[in-house]
Amino acid sequence: MEVATVLMRTDGFRDLDRFAQQVLGTAARPAVMPMDAWRDGDEFVVELDLPGIDPGSLDLDLERNVLTVRAERPDVDSGRQMIAAERPRGVFSRQLFLGETLDTEQVRADYTDGVLRVRIPVADKAKPRKITIDHTGQQHQLTSA
């Protein structure tokens, strides 16, 4: 009996497109919490767009290395006769998986002008450092010619 082997190839463009759809959404299904993330010196910064969210409804939880962001935009008053209702409503949640190189004990967050900014310092153990080199045996002097 012959065994068939299936070779699976990774298509980087398809994977990138799938990731972009998850993060940015599509025209038919927009993302609820668009996000930017970057490194700024010795910390990582994440910004999430949450316009019109009551700051009291924002909730950040950190369990192990997973940061969960929750927010709520209440339903429209049922007495309103809506002409257009394009803004998503309800409870939104997004999880960020933080690497081991981040100091999760020092996470800071602020919410200003509809943008939630989370700052996560790089852990001391992940920062570049100089290593002392011990010299044993004979010492050699280098001279330039």
Protein backbone atom coordinates (compact mmCIF):
# COMPACT_ATOMS: atom_id res chain seq x y z
CA MET A 1 0.00 0.00 0.00
CA GLU A 2 1.38 3.39 -1.00
CA VAL A 3 1.29 6.23 1.51
CA ALA A 4 0.47 9.65 0.06
CA THR A 5 2.44 12.56 1.43
CA VAL A 6 1.00 16.04 1.44
CA LEU A 7 3.43 18.91 1.36
CA MET A 8 2.01 22.03 2.96
CA ARG A 9 3.55 25.29 1.90
CA THR A 10 3.38 28.52 3.83
CA ASP A 11 2.22 31.47 1.79
CA GLY A 12 3.58 34.54 3.57
CA PHE A 13 1.32 36.92 1.65
CA ARG A 14 -1.80 34.91 2.50
CA ASP A 15 -0.75 34.76 6.17
CA LEU A 16 -0.12 38.53 6.19
CA ASP A 17 -3.51 39.15 4.55
CA ARG A 18 -5.25 36.95 7.14
CA PHE A 19 -3.47 38.81 9.96
CA ALA A 20 -4.39 42.19 8.46
CA GLN A 21 -8.05 41.15 8.25
CA GLN A 22 -7.99 40.11 11.90
CA VAL A 23 -6.39 43.38 13.01
CA LEU A 24 -7.86 45.88 10.57
CA GLY A 25 -11.06 44.09 9.66
CA THR A 26 -12.65 44.03 6.23
CA ALA A 27 -15.18 46.31 4.57
CA ALA A 28 -17.96 43.91 5.59
CA ARG A 29 -16.67 43.38 9.14
CA PRO A 30 -14.56 46.24 10.52
CA ALA A 31 -12.29 45.67 13.49
CA VAL A 32 -13.70 47.09 16.68
CA MET A 33 -10.42 48.06 18.35
CA PRO A 34 -7.92 49.14 15.71
CA MET A 35 -4.45 49.05 17.20
CA ASP A 36 -0.97 50.45 16.63
CA ALA A 37 2.05 49.07 18.49
CA TRP A 38 5.71 50.09 18.47
CA ARG A 39 8.86 50.13 20.55
CA ASP A 40 9.85 53.47 22.04
CA GLY A 41 13.26 53.16 23.70
CA ASP A 42 12.96 50.77 26.64
CA GLU A 43 9.22 50.23 26.42
CA PHE A 44 6.53 49.01 24.07
CA VAL A 45 3.57 51.25 23.37
CA VAL A 46 0.15 50.03 22.24
CA GLU A 47 -2.63 52.41 21.21
CA LEU A 48 -6.20 51.25 20.72
CA ASP A 49 -8.88 53.46 19.16
CA LEU A 50 -11.97 53.47 21.38
CA PRO A 51 -13.91 56.64 20.51
CA GLY A 52 -17.08 57.29 22.43
CA ILE A 53 -16.30 54.76 25.16
CA ASP A 54 -17.12 55.70 28.74
CA PRO A 55 -13.78 55.54 30.60
CA GLY A 56 -15.61 53.78 33.44
CA SER A 57 -16.37 50.85 31.12
CA LEU A 58 -12.71 50.27 30.25
CA ASP A 59 -11.14 47.26 31.90
CA LEU A 60 -7.59 45.93 31.62
CA ASP A 61 -6.72 42.51 33.01
CA LEU A 62 -3.32 40.89 32.98
CA GLU A 63 -3.13 37.16 33.57
CA ARG A 64 0.19 35.48 33.01
CA ASN A 65 1.37 37.22 29.84
CA VAL A 66 -2.05 37.90 28.32
CA LEU A 67 -3.38 41.46 28.51
CA THR A 68 -7.14 41.62 27.95
CA VAL A 69 -8.73 44.96 27.03
CA ARG A 70 -12.50 45.24 27.50
CA ALA A 71 -14.72 48.21 26.73
CA GLU A 72 -18.41 48.83 26.29
CA ARG A 73 -20.39 51.16 24.09
CA PRO A 74 -24.02 51.09 25.25
CA ASP A 75 -26.91 50.33 22.93
CA VAL A 76 -28.74 53.20 21.30
CA ASP A 77 -31.78 54.52 23.16
CA SER A 78 -34.68 52.37 21.92
CA GLY A 79 -36.82 55.50 21.58
CA ARG A 80 -34.64 56.86 18.79
CA GLN A 81 -35.62 56.40 15.20
CA MET A 82 -32.19 55.71 13.69
CA ILE A 83 -31.33 56.99 10.23
CA ALA A 84 -27.92 55.30 10.25
CA ALA A 85 -26.42 52.94 12.82
CA GLU A 86 -22.89 52.09 11.71
CA ARG A 87 -20.97 52.26 14.98
CA PRO A 88 -20.60 48.90 16.71
CA ARG A 89 -22.22 48.63 20.13
CA GLY A 90 -21.94 46.27 23.05
CA VAL A 91 -18.94 44.79 24.85
CA PHE A 92 -15.65 44.65 22.96
CA SER A 93 -12.67 42.60 23.96
CA ARG A 94 -9.18 42.13 22.62
CA GLN A 95 -6.28 40.06 23.91
CA LEU A 96 -2.63 40.94 23.51
CA PHE A 97 -0.05 38.22 24.07
CA LEU A 98 2.97 39.80 25.72
CA GLY A 99 6.43 38.34 25.33
CA GLU A 100 8.61 37.15 28.19
CA THR A 101 10.93 40.08 27.57
CA LEU A 102 8.39 42.61 28.90
CA ASP A 103 8.01 43.72 32.51
CA THR A 104 4.34 42.95 33.12
CA GLU A 105 4.62 44.25 36.70
CA GLN A 106 5.08 47.82 35.43
CA VAL A 107 2.27 48.19 32.84
CA ARG A 108 0.74 51.69 32.68
CA ALA A 109 -2.33 52.87 30.78
CA ASP A 110 -4.17 56.11 30.09
CA TYR A 111 -7.26 57.00 28.05
CA THR A 112 -7.28 60.39 26.32
CA ASP A 113 -9.35 61.68 23.39
CA GLY A 114 -10.76 58.23 22.62
CA VAL A 115 -7.37 56.50 22.52
CA LEU A 116 -6.27 53.94 25.11
CA ARG A 117 -2.46 54.00 25.39
CA VAL A 118 -0.75 51.11 27.17
CA ARG A 119 2.97 51.30 28.00
CA ILE A 120 4.87 48.13 28.84
CA PRO A 121 8.55 48.42 29.83
CA VAL A 122 11.15 46.02 28.52
CA ALA A 123 12.30 43.76 31.37
CA ASP A 124 15.79 44.44 32.69
CA LYS A 125 16.79 40.88 31.82
CA ALA A 126 16.02 41.59 28.14
CA LYS A 127 17.95 44.84 27.87
CA PRO A 128 21.38 44.76 26.24
CA ARG A 129 24.22 44.71 28.73
CA LYS A 130 28.00 44.55 28.68
CA ILE A 131 29.64 41.29 29.61
CA THR A 132 32.95 41.43 31.46
CA ILE A 133 35.62 39.26 29.93
CA ASP A 134 38.08 37.67 32.32
CA HIS A 135 41.59 37.24 30.92
CA THR A 136 43.53 34.26 32.21
CA GLY A 137 46.99 33.09 31.33
CA GLN A 138 49.40 35.27 29.41
CA GLN A 139 48.52 38.78 28.56
CA HIS A 140 49.09 39.89 25.00
CA GLN A 141 49.64 43.47 24.07
CA LEU A 142 48.29 44.58 20.74
CA THR A 143 50.07 47.34 18.93
CA SER A 144 49.15 49.02 15.71
CA ALA A 145 51.66 49.04 12.87
